[in-house]
PDB file of N, CA and C in Angstrom:
ATOM      1  N   MET A   1      87.450  83.119 142.619  1.00  0.00           N
ATOM      2  CA  MET A   1      86.633  82.960 141.419  1.00  0.00           C
ATOM      3  C   MET A   1      87.483  82.252 140.363  1.00  0.00           C
ATOM      4  N   SER A   2      86.912  81.270 139.678  1.00  0.00           N
ATOM      5  CA  SER A   2      87.646  80.515 138.668  1.00  0.00           C
ATOM      6  C   SER A   2      87.718  81.295 137.354  1.00  0.00           C
ATOM      7  N   VAL A   3      88.635  80.892 136.510  1.00  0.00           N
ATOM      8  CA  VAL A   3      88.767  81.521 135.190  1.00  0.00           C
ATOM      9  C   VAL A   3      87.483  81.323 134.392  1.00  0.00           C
ATOM     10  N   ASP A   4      86.889  80.148 134.481  1.00  0.00           N
ATOM     11  CA  ASP A   4      85.634  79.897 133.763  1.00  0.00           C
ATOM     12  C   ASP A   4      84.528  80.841 134.226  1.00  0.00           C
ATOM     13  N   ALA A   5      84.452  81.074 135.517  1.00  0.00           N
ATOM     14  CA  ALA A   5      83.441  81.995 136.050  1.00  0.00           C
ATOM     15  C   ALA A   5      83.701  83.416 135.566  1.00  0.00           C
ATOM     16  N   ILE A   6      84.957  83.805 135.536  1.00  0.00           N
ATOM     17  CA  ILE A   6      85.303  85.145 135.044  1.00  0.00           C
ATOM     18  C   ILE A   6      84.925  85.284 133.574  1.00  0.00           C
ATOM     19  N   LEU A   7      85.217  84.260 132.782  1.00  0.00           N
ATOM     20  CA  LEU A   7      84.876  84.314 131.356  1.00  0.00           C
ATOM     21  C   LEU A   7      83.374  84.420 131.140  1.00  0.00           C
ATOM     22  N   LYS A   8      82.600  83.744 131.961  1.00  0.00           N
ATOM     23  CA  LYS A   8      81.139  83.869 131.873  1.00  0.00           C
ATOM     24  C   LYS A   8      80.710  85.309 132.133  1.00  0.00           C
ATOM     25  N   GLU A   9      81.323  85.938 133.112  1.00  0.00           N
ATOM     26  CA  GLU A   9      81.020  87.340 133.416  1.00  0.00           C
ATOM     27  C   GLU A   9      81.417  88.244 132.246  1.00  0.00           C
ATOM     28  N   VAL A  10      82.567  87.980 131.656  1.00  0.00           N
ATOM     29  CA  VAL A  10      83.049  88.794 130.531  1.00  0.00           C
ATOM     30  C   VAL A  10      82.101  88.677 129.340  1.00  0.00           C
ATOM     31  N   GLU A  11      81.582  87.482 129.099  1.00  0.00           N
ATOM     32  CA  GLU A  11      80.652  87.281 127.984  1.00  0.00           C
ATOM     33  C   GLU A  11      79.397  88.129 128.126  1.00  0.00           C
ATOM     34  N   ALA A  12      79.042  88.490 129.343  1.00  0.00           N
ATOM     35  CA  ALA A  12      77.841  89.294 129.582  1.00  0.00           C
ATOM     36  C   ALA A  12      78.091  90.791 129.383  1.00  0.00           C
ATOM     37  N   LEU A  13      79.341  91.190 129.227  1.00  0.00           N
ATOM     38  CA  LEU A  13      79.666  92.609 129.058  1.00  0.00           C
ATOM     39  C   LEU A  13      79.304  93.095 127.657  1.00  0.00           C
ATOM     40  N   THR A  14      79.074  94.387 127.555  1.00  0.00           N
ATOM     41  CA  THR A  14      78.884  94.996 126.233  1.00  0.00           C
ATOM     42  C   THR A  14      80.248  95.091 125.553  1.00  0.00           C
ATOM     43  N   ASP A  15      80.246  95.382 124.258  1.00  0.00           N
ATOM     44  CA  ASP A  15      81.508  95.539 123.537  1.00  0.00           C
ATOM     45  C   ASP A  15      82.359  96.650 124.147  1.00  0.00           C
ATOM     46  N   ASP A  16      81.718  97.757 124.508  1.00  0.00           N
ATOM     47  CA  ASP A  16      82.453  98.867 125.120  1.00  0.00           C
ATOM     48  C   ASP A  16      83.076  98.455 126.449  1.00  0.00           C
ATOM     49  N   GLU A  17      82.340  97.688 127.234  1.00  0.00           N
ATOM     50  CA  GLU A  17      82.870  97.230 128.520  1.00  0.00           C
ATOM     51  C   GLU A  17      84.034  96.258 128.321  1.00  0.00           C
ATOM     52  N   ARG A  18      83.921  95.400 127.321  1.00  0.00           N
ATOM     53  CA  ARG A  18      85.023  94.473 127.028  1.00  0.00           C
ATOM     54  C   ARG A  18      86.268  95.238 126.596  1.00  0.00           C
ATOM     55  N   ASN A  19      86.077  96.248 125.755  1.00  0.00           N
ATOM     56  CA  ASN A  19      87.216  97.058 125.325  1.00  0.00           C
ATOM     57  C   ASN A  19      87.874  97.742 126.512  1.00  0.00           C
ATOM     58  N   GLU A  20      87.055  98.262 127.409  1.00  0.00           N
ATOM     59  CA  GLU A  20      87.594  98.905 128.613  1.00  0.00           C
ATOM     60  C   GLU A  20      88.375  97.900 129.451  1.00  0.00           C
ATOM     61  N   LEU A  21      87.845  96.695 129.596  1.00  0.00           N
ATOM     62  CA  LEU A  21      88.537  95.649 130.347  1.00  0.00           C
ATOM     63  C   LEU A  21      89.878  95.321 129.695  1.00  0.00           C
ATOM     64  N   LEU A  22      89.877  95.158 128.384  1.00  0.00           N
ATOM     65  CA  LEU A  22      91.125  94.858 127.678  1.00  0.00           C
ATOM     66  C   LEU A  22      92.147  95.968 127.856  1.00  0.00           C
ATOM     67  N   ASN A  23      91.693  97.207 127.752  1.00  0.00           N
ATOM     68  CA  ASN A  23      92.607  98.337 127.931  1.00  0.00           C
ATOM     69  C   ASN A  23      93.203  98.353 129.331  1.00  0.00           C
ATOM     70  N   ARG A  24      92.378  98.083 130.320  1.00  0.00           N
ATOM     71  CA  ARG A  24      92.876  98.083 131.703  1.00  0.00           C
ATOM     72  C   ARG A  24      93.859  96.937 131.944  1.00  0.00           C
ATOM     73  N   LEU A  25      93.550  95.752 131.388  1.00  0.00           N
ATOM     74  CA  LEU A  25      94.475  94.625 131.524  1.00  0.00           C
ATOM     75  C   LEU A  25      95.798  94.934 130.835  1.00  0.00           C
ATOM     76  N   HIS A  26      95.707  95.533 129.654  1.00  0.00           N
ATOM     77  CA  HIS A  26      96.921  95.896 128.928  1.00  0.00           C
ATOM     78  C   HIS A  26      97.745  96.897 129.729  1.00  0.00           C
ATOM     79  N   ASP A  27      97.079  97.896 130.292  1.00  0.00           N
ATOM     80  CA  ASP A  27      97.781  98.898 131.095  1.00  0.00           C
ATOM     81  C   ASP A  27      98.450  98.264 132.316  1.00  0.00           C
ATOM     82  N   GLN A  28      97.779  97.282 132.900  1.00  0.00           N
ATOM     83  CA  GLN A  28      98.308  96.648 134.104  1.00  0.00           C
ATOM     84  C   GLN A  28      99.490  95.731 133.799  1.00  0.00           C
ATOM     85  N   PHE A  29      99.386  94.979 132.719  1.00  0.00           N
ATOM     86  CA  PHE A  29     100.406  93.969 132.444  1.00  0.00           C
ATOM     87  C   PHE A  29     101.382  94.372 131.353  1.00  0.00           C
ATOM     88  N   GLY A  30     101.027  95.362 130.540  1.00  0.00           N
ATOM     89  CA  GLY A  30     101.937  95.871 129.526  1.00  0.00           C
ATOM     90  C   GLY A  30     102.215  94.895 128.402  1.00  0.00           C
ATOM     91  N   GLN A  31     103.208  95.254 127.647  1.00  0.00           N
ATOM     92  CA  GLN A  31     103.623  94.446 126.502  1.00  0.00           C
ATOM     93  C   GLN A  31     104.552  93.326 126.964  1.00  0.00           C
ATOM     94  N   PRO A  32     104.461  92.163 126.328  1.00  0.00           N
ATOM     95  CA  PRO A  32     105.412  91.103 126.664  1.00  0.00           C
ATOM     96  C   PRO A  32     106.812  91.498 126.181  1.00  0.00           C
ATOM     97  N   GLU A  33     107.815  91.051 126.892  1.00  0.00           N
ATOM     98  CA  GLU A  33     109.182  91.335 126.472  1.00  0.00           C
ATOM     99  C   GLU A  33     109.526  90.451 125.287  1.00  0.00           C
ATOM    100  N   ILE A  34     110.279  91.019 124.354  1.00  0.00           N
ATOM    101  CA  ILE A  34     110.733  90.232 123.212  1.00  0.00           C
ATOM    102  C   ILE A  34     112.254  90.215 123.221  1.00  0.00           C
ATOM    103  N   SER A  35     112.807  89.170 122.635  1.00  0.00           N
ATOM    104  CA  SER A  35     114.262  89.029 122.613  1.00  0.00           C
ATOM    105  C   SER A  35     114.872  90.060 121.664  1.00  0.00           C
ATOM    106  N   ASP A  36     116.150  90.329 121.858  1.00  0.00           N
ATOM    107  CA  ASP A  36     116.863  91.243 120.962  1.00  0.00           C
ATOM    108  C   ASP A  36     116.851  90.705 119.534  1.00  0.00           C
ATOM    109  N   GLU A  37     116.931  89.380 119.408  1.00  0.00           N
ATOM    110  CA  GLU A  37     116.924  88.746 118.085  1.00  0.00           C
ATOM    111  C   GLU A  37     115.591  88.996 117.375  1.00  0.00           C
ATOM    112  N   LEU A  38     114.485  88.824 118.088  1.00  0.00           N
ATOM    113  CA  LEU A  38     113.173  89.057 117.489  1.00  0.00           C
ATOM    114  C   LEU A  38     112.987  90.530 117.157  1.00  0.00           C
ATOM    115  N   LYS A  39     113.421  91.420 118.045  1.00  0.00           N
ATOM    116  CA  LYS A  39     113.311  92.853 117.775  1.00  0.00           C
ATOM    117  C   LYS A  39     114.090  93.222 116.520  1.00  0.00           C
ATOM    118  N   ALA A  40     115.298  92.678 116.369  1.00  0.00           N
ATOM    119  CA  ALA A  40     116.111  92.955 115.180  1.00  0.00           C
ATOM    120  C   ALA A  40     115.408  92.459 113.923  1.00  0.00           C
ATOM    121  N   GLU A  41     114.799  91.277 113.990  1.00  0.00           N
ATOM    122  CA  GLU A  41     114.083  90.733 112.830  1.00  0.00           C
ATOM    123  C   GLU A  41     112.875  91.588 112.486  1.00  0.00           C
ATOM    124  N   LEU A  42     112.127  92.013 113.480  1.00  0.00           N
ATOM    125  CA  LEU A  42     110.969  92.880 113.230  1.00  0.00           C
ATOM    126  C   LEU A  42     111.405  94.217 112.645  1.00  0.00           C
ATOM    127  N   ASP A  43     112.477  94.789 113.177  1.00  0.00           N
ATOM    128  CA  ASP A  43     113.006  96.045 112.633  1.00  0.00           C
ATOM    129  C   ASP A  43     113.433  95.868 111.179  1.00  0.00           C
ATOM    130  N   ARG A  44     114.067  94.736 110.866  1.00  0.00           N
ATOM    131  CA  ARG A  44     114.497  94.455 109.492  1.00  0.00           C
ATOM    132  C   ARG A  44     113.295  94.381 108.556  1.00  0.00           C
ATOM    133  N   ARG A  45     112.248  93.702 109.001  1.00  0.00           N
ATOM    134  CA  ARG A  45     111.053  93.558 108.167  1.00  0.00           C
ATOM    135  C   ARG A  45     110.350  94.892 107.948  1.00  0.00           C
ATOM    136  N   VAL A  46     110.285  95.713 108.976  1.00  0.00           N
ATOM    137  CA  VAL A  46     109.669  97.039 108.832  1.00  0.00           C
ATOM    138  C   VAL A  46     110.475  97.879 107.855  1.00  0.00           C
ATOM    139  N   ALA A  47     111.802  97.849 107.985  1.00  0.00           N
ATOM    140  CA  ALA A  47     112.658  98.615 107.076  1.00  0.00           C
ATOM    141  C   ALA A  47     112.486  98.135 105.641  1.00  0.00           C
ATOM    142  N   GLU A  48     112.393  96.821 105.447  1.00  0.00           N
ATOM    143  CA  GLU A  48     112.192  96.266 104.105  1.00  0.00           C
ATOM    144  C   GLU A  48     110.846  96.699 103.531  1.00  0.00           C
ATOM    145  N   ALA A  49     109.816  96.669 104.340  1.00  0.00           N
ATOM    146  CA  ALA A  49     108.489  97.093 103.883  1.00  0.00           C
ATOM    147  C   ALA A  49     108.481  98.583 103.562  1.00  0.00           C
ATOM    148  N   ASP A  50     109.158  99.387 104.378  1.00  0.00           N
ATOM    149  CA  ASP A  50     109.235 100.827 104.118  1.00  0.00           C
ATOM    150  C   ASP A  50     109.997 101.119 102.830  1.00  0.00           C
ATOM    151  N   ALA A  51     111.050 100.333 102.569  1.00  0.00           N
ATOM    152  CA  ALA A  51     111.872 100.547 101.378  1.00  0.00           C
ATOM    153  C   ALA A  51     111.183 100.066 100.107  1.00  0.00           C
ATOM    154  N   ASN A  52     110.259  99.122 100.224  1.00  0.00           N
ATOM    155  CA  ASN A  52     109.585  98.530  99.062  1.00  0.00           C
ATOM    156  C   ASN A  52     108.078  98.478  99.297  1.00  0.00           C
ATOM    157  N   PRO A  53     107.417  99.619  99.371  1.00  0.00           N
ATOM    158  CA  PRO A  53     105.989  99.620  99.716  1.00  0.00           C
ATOM    159  C   PRO A  53     105.103  98.902  98.697  1.00  0.00           C
ATOM    160  N   ASP A  54     105.558  98.768  97.462  1.00  0.00           N
ATOM    161  CA  ASP A  54     104.751  98.096  96.442  1.00  0.00           C
ATOM    162  C   ASP A  54     105.003  96.595  96.387  1.00  0.00           C
ATOM    163  N   ALA A  55     105.872  96.081  97.250  1.00  0.00           N
ATOM    164  CA  ALA A  55     106.216  94.662  97.218  1.00  0.00           C
ATOM    165  C   ALA A  55     105.157  93.783  97.868  1.00  0.00           C
ATOM    166  N   GLY A  56     104.257  94.364  98.620  1.00  0.00           N
ATOM    167  CA  GLY A  56     103.236  93.580  99.314  1.00  0.00           C
ATOM    168  C   GLY A  56     102.021  93.331  98.450  1.00  0.00           C
ATOM    169  N   TYR A  57     100.959  92.885  99.085  1.00  0.00           N
ATOM    170  CA  TYR A  57      99.705  92.594  98.408  1.00  0.00           C
ATOM    171  C   TYR A  57      98.620  93.534  98.917  1.00  0.00           C
ATOM    172  N   THR A  58      97.682  93.827  98.050  1.00  0.00           N
ATOM    173  CA  THR A  58      96.535  94.630  98.473  1.00  0.00           C
ATOM    174  C   THR A  58      95.578  93.738  99.261  1.00  0.00           C
ATOM    175  N   LEU A  59      94.686  94.358  99.996  1.00  0.00           N
ATOM    176  CA  LEU A  59      93.680  93.599 100.737  1.00  0.00           C
ATOM    177  C   LEU A  59      92.843  92.760  99.782  1.00  0.00           C
ATOM    178  N   ASP A  60      92.469  93.321  98.645  1.00  0.00           N
ATOM    179  CA  ASP A  60      91.667  92.573  97.668  1.00  0.00           C
ATOM    180  C   ASP A  60      92.417  91.345  97.164  1.00  0.00           C
ATOM    181  N   GLU A  61      93.733  91.465  96.945  1.00  0.00           N
ATOM    182  CA  GLU A  61      94.527  90.323  96.494  1.00  0.00           C
ATOM    183  C   GLU A  61      94.578  89.233  97.562  1.00  0.00           C
ATOM    184  N   VAL A  62      94.721  89.625  98.795  1.00  0.00           N
ATOM    185  CA  VAL A  62      94.770  88.654  99.893  1.00  0.00           C
ATOM    186  C   VAL A  62      93.433  87.937 100.031  1.00  0.00           C
ATOM    187  N   ILE A  63      92.345  88.688  99.977  1.00  0.00           N
ATOM    188  CA  ILE A  63      91.014  88.085 100.088  1.00  0.00           C
ATOM    189  C   ILE A  63      90.768  87.119  98.937  1.00  0.00           C
ATOM    190  N   ALA A  64      91.126  87.519  97.722  1.00  0.00           N
ATOM    191  CA  ALA A  64      90.950  86.638  96.562  1.00  0.00           C
ATOM    192  C   ALA A  64      91.767  85.360  96.730  1.00  0.00           C
ATOM    193  N   TYR A  65      92.981  85.482  97.225  1.00  0.00           N
ATOM    194  CA  TYR A  65      93.834  84.320  97.446  1.00  0.00           C
ATOM    195  C   TYR A  65      93.211  83.369  98.469  1.00  0.00           C
ATOM    196  N   VAL A  66      92.740  83.911  99.568  1.00  0.00           N
ATOM    197  CA  VAL A  66      92.133  83.090 100.620  1.00  0.00           C
ATOM    198  C   VAL A  66      90.886  82.390 100.094  1.00  0.00           C
ATOM    199  N   ARG A  67      90.090  83.095  99.335  1.00  0.00           N
ATOM    200  CA  ARG A  67      88.864  82.488  98.796  1.00  0.00           C
ATOM    201  C   ARG A  67      89.179  81.372  97.805  1.00  0.00           C
ATOM    202  N   ARG A  68      90.246  81.513  97.032  1.00  0.00           N
ATOM    203  CA  ARG A  68      90.642  80.448  96.093  1.00  0.00           C
ATOM    204  C   ARG A  68      91.088  79.203  96.837  1.00  0.00           C
ATOM    205  N   LYS A  69      91.655  79.377  98.013  1.00  0.00           N
ATOM    206  CA  LYS A  69      92.174  78.249  98.788  1.00  0.00           C
ATOM    207  C   LYS A  69      91.075  77.423  99.445  1.00  0.00           C
ATOM    208  N   LYS A  70      89.872  77.960  99.545  1.00  0.00           N
ATOM    209  CA  LYS A  70      88.777  77.238 100.218  1.00  0.00           C
ATOM    210  C   LYS A  70      88.279  76.108  99.374  1.00  0.00           C
TER     211      LYS A  70
END
């Protein structure tokens, strides 16, 4: 079966069935491996966000910014 044929079948699934399919694929293939360098950078960013929780933007601020850019 081709990828295109599979995608056609997936489009016919309900949302719940698609979620189940995604969960099963995730369980089968797992998370992609990341480099030590990327892991260190992600850990640094999480630590920075935890240390400065008010340094980010609210959802409303982000939405307003995106709408101004249109």
